[in-house]
C-alpha atoms as a PDB file:
ATOM      1  CA  UNK A   1      66.126 -19.120 -30.840  1.00  0.00           C
ATOM      2  CA  UNK A   2      69.301 -19.605 -32.677  1.00  0.00           C
ATOM      3  CA  UNK A   3      71.621 -19.925 -29.526  1.00  0.00           C
ATOM      4  CA  UNK A   4      68.788 -21.863 -27.490  1.00  0.00           C
ATOM      5  CA  UNK A   5      68.789 -24.364 -30.292  1.00  0.00           C
ATOM      6  CA  UNK A   6      72.415 -24.712 -30.219  1.00  0.00           C
ATOM      7  CA  UNK A   7      72.299 -25.484 -26.669  1.00  0.00           C
ATOM      8  CA  UNK A   8      69.328 -27.870 -26.690  1.00  0.00           C
ATOM      9  CA  UNK A   9      71.025 -29.920 -29.524  1.00  0.00           C
ATOM     10  CA  UNK A  10      74.517 -29.989 -27.683  1.00  0.00           C
ATOM     11  CA  UNK A  11      72.566 -31.129 -24.280  1.00  0.00           C
ATOM     12  CA  UNK A  12      70.366 -33.542 -26.139  1.00  0.00           C
ATOM     13  CA  UNK A  13      73.321 -35.271 -27.849  1.00  0.00           C
ATOM     14  CA  UNK A  14      75.415 -35.483 -24.652  1.00  0.00           C
ATOM     15  CA  UNK A  15      72.658 -36.985 -22.889  1.00  0.00           C
ATOM     16  CA  UNK A  16      71.847 -39.507 -25.283  1.00  0.00           C
ATOM     17  CA  UNK A  17      75.389 -40.533 -25.446  1.00  0.00           C
ATOM     18  CA  UNK A  18      75.755 -40.717 -21.815  1.00  0.00           C
ATOM     19  CA  UNK A  19      72.679 -42.901 -21.251  1.00  0.00           C
ATOM     20  CA  UNK A  20      73.713 -45.383 -24.225  1.00  0.00           C
ATOM     21  CA  UNK A  21      77.453 -45.452 -22.806  1.00  0.00           C
ATOM     22  CA  UNK A  22      76.506 -45.670 -19.172  1.00  0.00           C
ATOM     23  CA  UNK A  23      74.116 -48.746 -19.624  1.00  0.00           C
ATOM     24  CA  UNK A  24      75.575 -50.212 -22.692  1.00  0.00           C
ATOM     25  CA  UNK A  25      71.963 -50.497 -23.855  1.00  0.00           C
ATOM     26  CA  UNK A  26      70.443 -48.093 -26.004  1.00  0.00           C
ATOM     27  CA  UNK A  27      67.061 -49.036 -25.062  1.00  0.00           C
ATOM     28  CA  UNK A  28      67.798 -48.948 -20.996  1.00  0.00           C
ATOM     29  CA  UNK A  29      65.837 -45.497 -20.866  1.00  0.00           C
ATOM     30  CA  UNK A  30      62.628 -47.314 -21.924  1.00  0.00           C
ATOM     31  CA  UNK A  31      63.387 -50.870 -20.619  1.00  0.00           C
ATOM     32  CA  UNK A  32      65.167 -50.406 -17.305  1.00  0.00           C
ATOM     33  CA  UNK A  33      63.858 -48.320 -14.627  1.00  0.00           C
ATOM     34  CA  UNK A  34      67.036 -48.161 -12.945  1.00  0.00           C
ATOM     35  CA  UNK A  35      68.422 -45.836 -15.768  1.00  0.00           C
ATOM     36  CA  UNK A  36      66.071 -43.173 -14.418  1.00  0.00           C
ATOM     37  CA  UNK A  37      66.444 -43.171 -10.851  1.00  0.00           C
ATOM     38  CA  UNK A  38      65.005 -39.627 -10.424  1.00  0.00           C
ATOM     39  CA  UNK A  39      61.305 -40.891 -11.414  1.00  0.00           C
ATOM     40  CA  UNK A  40      59.001 -42.673  -9.771  1.00  0.00           C
ATOM     41  CA  UNK A  41      56.937 -45.146 -11.803  1.00  0.00           C
ATOM     42  CA  UNK A  42      54.039 -42.845 -12.666  1.00  0.00           C
ATOM     43  CA  UNK A  43      56.490 -40.259 -13.891  1.00  0.00           C
ATOM     44  CA  UNK A  44      58.334 -42.708 -15.999  1.00  0.00           C
ATOM     45  CA  UNK A  45      54.802 -44.076 -17.392  1.00  0.00           C
ATOM     46  CA  UNK A  46      53.863 -40.563 -18.400  1.00  0.00           C
ATOM     47  CA  UNK A  47      57.366 -39.878 -20.115  1.00  0.00           C
ATOM     48  CA  UNK A  48      57.082 -43.159 -22.167  1.00  0.00           C
ATOM     49  CA  UNK A  49      53.648 -42.635 -23.007  1.00  0.00           C
ATOM     50  CA  UNK A  50      54.497 -39.033 -24.473  1.00  0.00           C
ATOM     51  CA  UNK A  51      57.391 -40.531 -26.336  1.00  0.00           C
ATOM     52  CA  UNK A  52      55.127 -43.185 -27.985  1.00  0.00           C
ATOM     53  CA  UNK A  53      52.772 -40.701 -29.012  1.00  0.00           C
ATOM     54  CA  UNK A  54      55.766 -38.637 -30.497  1.00  0.00           C
ATOM     55  CA  UNK A  55      56.795 -41.766 -32.309  1.00  0.00           C
ATOM     56  CA  UNK A  56      53.027 -42.532 -33.574  1.00  0.00           C
ATOM     57  CA  UNK A  57      52.656 -39.070 -35.008  1.00  0.00           C
ATOM     58  CA  UNK A  58      56.225 -38.303 -36.156  1.00  0.00           C
ATOM     59  CA  UNK A  59      56.760 -37.857 -40.227  1.00  0.00           C
ATOM     60  CA  UNK A  60      60.226 -38.463 -39.910  1.00  0.00           C
ATOM     61  CA  UNK A  61      61.714 -41.098 -42.371  1.00  0.00           C
ATOM     62  CA  UNK A  62      64.024 -42.459 -39.524  1.00  0.00           C
ATOM     63  CA  UNK A  63      61.009 -43.147 -37.391  1.00  0.00           C
ATOM     64  CA  UNK A  64      59.092 -44.534 -40.300  1.00  0.00           C
ATOM     65  CA  UNK A  65      62.047 -46.976 -41.067  1.00  0.00           C
ATOM     66  CA  UNK A  66      62.638 -47.934 -37.347  1.00  0.00           C
ATOM     67  CA  UNK A  67      58.960 -48.785 -36.931  1.00  0.00           C
ATOM     68  CA  UNK A  68      58.745 -50.917 -40.004  1.00  0.00           C
ATOM     69  CA  UNK A  69      62.071 -52.928 -39.607  1.00  0.00           C
ATOM     70  CA  UNK A  70      62.397 -53.329 -35.695  1.00  0.00           C
ATOM     71  CA  UNK A  71      59.056 -52.293 -34.454  1.00  0.00           C
ATOM     72  CA  UNK A  72      57.929 -56.055 -33.821  1.00  0.00           C
ATOM     73  CA  UNK A  73      61.136 -56.278 -31.482  1.00  0.00           C
ATOM     74  CA  UNK A  74      61.269 -52.957 -29.908  1.00  0.00           C
ATOM     75  CA  UNK A  75      58.295 -50.617 -28.708  1.00  0.00           C
ATOM     76  CA  UNK A  76      60.804 -47.624 -28.274  1.00  0.00           C
ATOM     77  CA  UNK A  77      63.670 -46.425 -30.695  1.00  0.00           C
ATOM     78  CA  UNK A  78      67.307 -46.312 -29.122  1.00  0.00           C
ATOM     79  CA  UNK A  79      68.143 -43.426 -27.187  1.00  0.00           C
ATOM     80  CA  UNK A  80      69.959 -41.533 -29.690  1.00  0.00           C
ATOM     81  CA  UNK A  81      66.815 -41.893 -32.188  1.00  0.00           C
ATOM     82  CA  UNK A  82      64.429 -40.944 -29.427  1.00  0.00           C
ATOM     83  CA  UNK A  83      66.428 -37.915 -28.466  1.00  0.00           C
ATOM     84  CA  UNK A  84      65.738 -36.576 -32.059  1.00  0.00           C
ATOM     85  CA  UNK A  85      62.154 -36.183 -31.602  1.00  0.00           C
ATOM     86  CA  UNK A  86      61.815 -35.059 -27.819  1.00  0.00           C
ATOM     87  CA  UNK A  87      60.892 -31.631 -27.336  1.00  0.00           C
ATOM     88  CA  UNK A  88      62.884 -29.257 -25.206  1.00  0.00           C
ATOM     89  CA  UNK A  89      60.734 -29.981 -22.219  1.00  0.00           C
ATOM     90  CA  UNK A  90      60.748 -33.942 -22.817  1.00  0.00           C
ATOM     91  CA  UNK A  91      64.509 -33.712 -22.894  1.00  0.00           C
ATOM     92  CA  UNK A  92      64.457 -31.525 -19.773  1.00  0.00           C
ATOM     93  CA  UNK A  93      62.385 -34.395 -18.148  1.00  0.00           C
ATOM     94  CA  UNK A  94      64.793 -37.127 -19.177  1.00  0.00           C
ATOM     95  CA  UNK A  95      67.692 -35.211 -17.702  1.00  0.00           C
ATOM     96  CA  UNK A  96      65.929 -34.690 -14.513  1.00  0.00           C
ATOM     97  CA  UNK A  97      65.241 -38.486 -14.237  1.00  0.00           C
ATOM     98  CA  UNK A  98      68.791 -39.325 -14.785  1.00  0.00           C
ATOM     99  CA  UNK A  99      71.321 -40.601 -12.307  1.00  0.00           C
ATOM    100  CA  UNK A 100      73.788 -38.265 -10.790  1.00  0.00           C
ATOM    101  CA  UNK A 101      76.591 -39.589 -12.751  1.00  0.00           C
ATOM    102  CA  UNK A 102      74.930 -38.851 -16.059  1.00  0.00           C
ATOM    103  CA  UNK A 103      73.923 -35.351 -14.934  1.00  0.00           C
ATOM    104  CA  UNK A 104      77.511 -34.736 -13.898  1.00  0.00           C
ATOM    105  CA  UNK A 105      79.020 -35.837 -17.263  1.00  0.00           C
ATOM    106  CA  UNK A 106      76.445 -33.743 -19.194  1.00  0.00           C
ATOM    107  CA  UNK A 107      77.266 -30.581 -17.005  1.00  0.00           C
ATOM    108  CA  UNK A 108      81.046 -31.144 -17.344  1.00  0.00           C
ATOM    109  CA  UNK A 109      80.274 -30.262 -21.214  1.00  0.00           C
ATOM    110  CA  UNK A 110      79.689 -26.835 -19.847  1.00  0.00           C
ATOM    111  CA  UNK A 111      82.208 -26.852 -16.687  1.00  0.00           C
ATOM    112  CA  UNK A 112      79.631 -26.242 -14.320  1.00  0.00           C
ATOM    113  CA  UNK A 113      77.570 -27.803 -11.690  1.00  0.00           C
ATOM    114  CA  UNK A 114      74.568 -30.183 -12.643  1.00  0.00           C
ATOM    115  CA  UNK A 115      72.184 -28.339 -10.487  1.00  0.00           C
ATOM    116  CA  UNK A 116      73.205 -25.173 -12.215  1.00  0.00           C
ATOM    117  CA  UNK A 117      72.799 -26.884 -15.601  1.00  0.00           C
ATOM    118  CA  UNK A 118      69.364 -28.004 -14.683  1.00  0.00           C
ATOM    119  CA  UNK A 119      68.091 -24.548 -13.724  1.00  0.00           C
ATOM    120  CA  UNK A 120      69.529 -23.213 -16.876  1.00  0.00           C
ATOM    121  CA  UNK A 121      67.543 -25.917 -18.913  1.00  0.00           C
ATOM    122  CA  UNK A 122      64.420 -25.061 -16.980  1.00  0.00           C
ATOM    123  CA  UNK A 123      64.769 -21.339 -17.702  1.00  0.00           C
ATOM    124  CA  UNK A 124      65.954 -21.869 -21.510  1.00  0.00           C
ATOM    125  CA  UNK A 125      62.576 -24.119 -21.921  1.00  0.00           C
ATOM    126  CA  UNK A 126      60.768 -21.121 -20.568  1.00  0.00           C
ATOM    127  CA  UNK A 127      62.481 -18.776 -22.823  1.00  0.00           C
ATOM    128  CA  UNK A 128      61.958 -21.161 -25.917  1.00  0.00           C
ATOM    129  CA  UNK A 129      58.232 -21.221 -25.217  1.00  0.00           C
ATOM    130  CA  UNK A 130      57.785 -17.436 -25.007  1.00  0.00           C
ATOM    131  CA  UNK A 131      59.825 -17.016 -28.494  1.00  0.00           C
ATOM    132  CA  UNK A 132      57.741 -19.871 -30.206  1.00  0.00           C
ATOM    133  CA  UNK A 133      54.442 -18.197 -29.203  1.00  0.00           C
ATOM    134  CA  UNK A 134      55.847 -14.538 -30.292  1.00  0.00           C
ATOM    135  CA  UNK A 135      55.494 -13.468 -26.593  1.00  0.00           C
ATOM    136  CA  UNK A 136      57.227 -10.313 -25.322  1.00  0.00           C
ATOM    137  CA  UNK A 137      60.645 -10.944 -23.981  1.00  0.00           C
ATOM    138  CA  UNK A 138      62.987  -8.164 -24.157  1.00  0.00           C
ATOM    139  CA  UNK A 139      62.243  -6.549 -20.798  1.00  0.00           C
ATOM    140  CA  UNK A 140      60.364  -9.419 -19.223  1.00  0.00           C
ATOM    141  CA  UNK A 141      61.083 -10.233 -15.428  1.00  0.00           C
ATOM    142  CA  UNK A 142      62.083 -13.960 -15.239  1.00  0.00           C
ATOM    143  CA  UNK A 143      59.637 -15.954 -13.024  1.00  0.00           C
ATOM    144  CA  UNK A 144      61.958 -19.013 -13.552  1.00  0.00           C
ATOM    145  CA  UNK A 145      65.285 -17.781 -12.081  1.00  0.00           C
ATOM    146  CA  UNK A 146      68.395 -19.726 -13.279  1.00  0.00           C
ATOM    147  CA  UNK A 147      71.361 -20.351 -10.754  1.00  0.00           C
ATOM    148  CA  UNK A 148      74.457 -18.354 -11.323  1.00  0.00           C
ATOM    149  CA  UNK A 149      77.809 -20.008 -10.696  1.00  0.00           C
ATOM    150  CA  UNK A 150      79.258 -17.580  -8.358  1.00  0.00           C
ATOM    151  CA  UNK A 151      82.100 -19.416  -7.521  1.00  0.00           C
ATOM    152  CA  UNK A 152      83.303 -18.702 -11.064  1.00  0.00           C
ATOM    153  CA  UNK A 153      84.876 -15.117 -10.999  1.00  0.00           C
ATOM    154  CA  UNK A 154      83.839 -14.440 -14.556  1.00  0.00           C
ATOM    155  CA  UNK A 155      80.212 -14.008 -13.248  1.00  0.00           C
ATOM    156  CA  UNK A 156      81.042 -11.574 -10.481  1.00  0.00           C
ATOM    157  CA  UNK A 157      84.346  -9.656 -11.517  1.00  0.00           C
ATOM    158  CA  UNK A 158      83.846  -6.066 -12.457  1.00  0.00           C
ATOM    159  CA  UNK A 159      80.052  -6.938 -13.252  1.00  0.00           C
ATOM    160  CA  UNK A 160      77.690  -8.985 -11.285  1.00  0.00           C
ATOM    161  CA  UNK A 161      75.618 -11.245 -13.335  1.00  0.00           C
ATOM    162  CA  UNK A 162      72.101 -11.549 -12.059  1.00  0.00           C
ATOM    163  CA  UNK A 163      69.360 -14.019 -12.857  1.00  0.00           C
ATOM    164  CA  UNK A 164      66.145 -11.836 -13.008  1.00  0.00           C
ATOM    165  CA  UNK A 165      66.211 -10.266 -16.344  1.00  0.00           C
ATOM    166  CA  UNK A 166      67.156 -10.786 -20.120  1.00  0.00           C
ATOM    167  CA  UNK A 167      71.103  -9.813 -19.529  1.00  0.00           C
ATOM    168  CA  UNK A 168      71.473 -12.878 -17.261  1.00  0.00           C
ATOM    169  CA  UNK A 169      69.653 -15.077 -20.001  1.00  0.00           C
ATOM    170  CA  UNK A 170      72.032 -13.655 -22.744  1.00  0.00           C
ATOM    171  CA  UNK A 171      75.183 -14.028 -20.765  1.00  0.00           C
ATOM    172  CA  UNK A 172      74.121 -17.696 -19.894  1.00  0.00           C
ATOM    173  CA  UNK A 173      73.803 -18.232 -23.718  1.00  0.00           C
ATOM    174  CA  UNK A 174      76.976 -16.669 -24.501  1.00  0.00           C
ATOM    175  CA  UNK A 175      78.719 -18.786 -21.897  1.00  0.00           C
ATOM    176  CA  UNK A 176      77.269 -22.109 -23.283  1.00  0.00           C
ATOM    177  CA  UNK A 177      78.099 -21.012 -26.928  1.00  0.00           C
ATOM    178  CA  UNK A 178      81.567 -20.446 -25.885  1.00  0.00           C
ATOM    179  CA  UNK A 179      81.609 -24.167 -24.817  1.00  0.00           C
ATOM    180  CA  UNK A 180      79.386 -26.009 -27.454  1.00  0.00           C
ATOM    181  CA  UNK A 181      79.612 -23.779 -30.556  1.00  0.00           C
ATOM    182  CA  UNK A 182      82.631 -21.327 -30.082  1.00  0.00           C
ATOM    183  CA  UNK A 183      82.466 -20.692 -33.948  1.00  0.00           C
ATOM    184  CA  UNK A 184      78.932 -19.236 -33.777  1.00  0.00           C
ATOM    185  CA  UNK A 185      78.599 -15.535 -34.695  1.00  0.00           C
ATOM    186  CA  UNK A 186      75.373 -15.244 -32.434  1.00  0.00           C
ATOM    187  CA  UNK A 187      77.299 -12.849 -29.976  1.00  0.00           C
ATOM    188  CA  UNK A 188      78.354 -10.587 -32.680  1.00  0.00           C
ATOM    189  CA  UNK A 189      74.980 -10.503 -34.381  1.00  0.00           C
ATOM    190  CA  UNK A 190      73.337  -9.782 -30.820  1.00  0.00           C
ATOM    191  CA  UNK A 191      76.087  -6.674 -30.450  1.00  0.00           C
ATOM    192  CA  UNK A 192      75.054  -5.518 -33.824  1.00  0.00           C
ATOM    193  CA  UNK A 193      71.349  -5.515 -32.753  1.00  0.00           C
ATOM    194  CA  UNK A 194      71.883  -3.708 -29.523  1.00  0.00           C
ATOM    195  CA  UNK A 195      74.055  -1.078 -31.333  1.00  0.00           C
ATOM    196  CA  UNK A 196      71.342  -0.494 -33.998  1.00  0.00           C
ATOM    197  CA  UNK A 197      68.372  -0.302 -31.470  1.00  0.00           C
ATOM    198  CA  UNK A 198      69.506   2.563 -29.346  1.00  0.00           C
ATOM    199  CA  UNK A 199      66.023   3.587 -28.567  1.00  0.00           C
ATOM    200  CA  UNK A 200      65.583   0.607 -26.415  1.00  0.00           C
ATOM    201  CA  UNK A 201      66.378   1.124 -22.790  1.00  0.00           C
ATOM    202  CA  UNK A 202      68.889  -1.555 -21.812  1.00  0.00           C
ATOM    203  CA  UNK A 203      68.443  -1.163 -18.163  1.00  0.00           C
ATOM    204  CA  UNK A 204      65.057  -2.639 -18.669  1.00  0.00           C
ATOM    205  CA  UNK A 205      66.475  -5.759 -19.830  1.00  0.00           C
ATOM    206  CA  UNK A 206      68.757  -5.821 -16.978  1.00  0.00           C
ATOM    207  CA  UNK A 207      71.928  -4.508 -18.720  1.00  0.00           C
ATOM    208  CA  UNK A 208      74.422  -2.659 -16.551  1.00  0.00           C
ATOM    209  CA  UNK A 209      75.798   0.783 -18.114  1.00  0.00           C
ATOM    210  CA  UNK A 210      79.317  -1.187 -18.640  1.00  0.00           C
ATOM    211  CA  UNK A 211      77.985  -4.670 -19.331  1.00  0.00           C
ATOM    212  CA  UNK A 212      80.791  -5.136 -21.927  1.00  0.00           C
ATOM    213  CA  UNK A 213      83.450  -5.392 -19.128  1.00  0.00           C
ATOM    214  CA  UNK A 214      81.748  -8.625 -17.942  1.00  0.00           C
ATOM    215  CA  UNK A 215      84.585 -11.335 -18.604  1.00  0.00           C
ATOM    216  CA  UNK A 216      82.250 -13.556 -20.233  1.00  0.00           C
ATOM    217  CA  UNK A 217      81.463 -10.737 -22.859  1.00  0.00           C
ATOM    218  CA  UNK A 218      84.886  -9.130 -23.064  1.00  0.00           C
ATOM    219  CA  UNK A 219      86.284 -11.705 -25.506  1.00  0.00           C
ATOM    220  CA  UNK A 220      84.613 -10.226 -28.664  1.00  0.00           C
ATOM    221  CA  UNK A 221      83.577  -6.655 -27.598  1.00  0.00           C
ATOM    222  CA  UNK A 222      87.249  -5.432 -27.553  1.00  0.00           C
END
């Protein structure tokens, strides 16, 4: 959850910035259908209805302040405030509805293609929901399979990173944290957890025997 939340915050921040910057209007996402070309009107209406309900039920001080001071002028908050109360799934929906230009700008933060980012967000949303409901995760097969950027040699040199088990998920998170939170100690805590849980078969999690040779992991396991 620590790693997923760091990625979530980075993506939602960049997504809000790109929307506000691109349309020069912090309310465009709610007022201008051209800001979400990936949605039809029904999808747009559902998104805004869900967001309106989140605003109505939110106990956040900044939401109360906006309602009391600007509610008569604007039904929805500026994008950077709205992003704060969106769920991961809601944020994913906004990403999917955004223009190709905005998707590419968000993806550039991670140095990968926007279609790969979308598949990662879909996978991480699923993983987050499993964690939030205390579901079994460690040896679970992934029904939602993220794309692996195979053109990048780091994902296939020495070790081939696959997308059907937890090793792939953890490697994706390590890669993301290297870009959005390089100061995080999460990889070290994960390595320590693995080393102190020697009774758990790593092969059931999709770990290759020599997984530490994967270039994405080698930076801290030497």
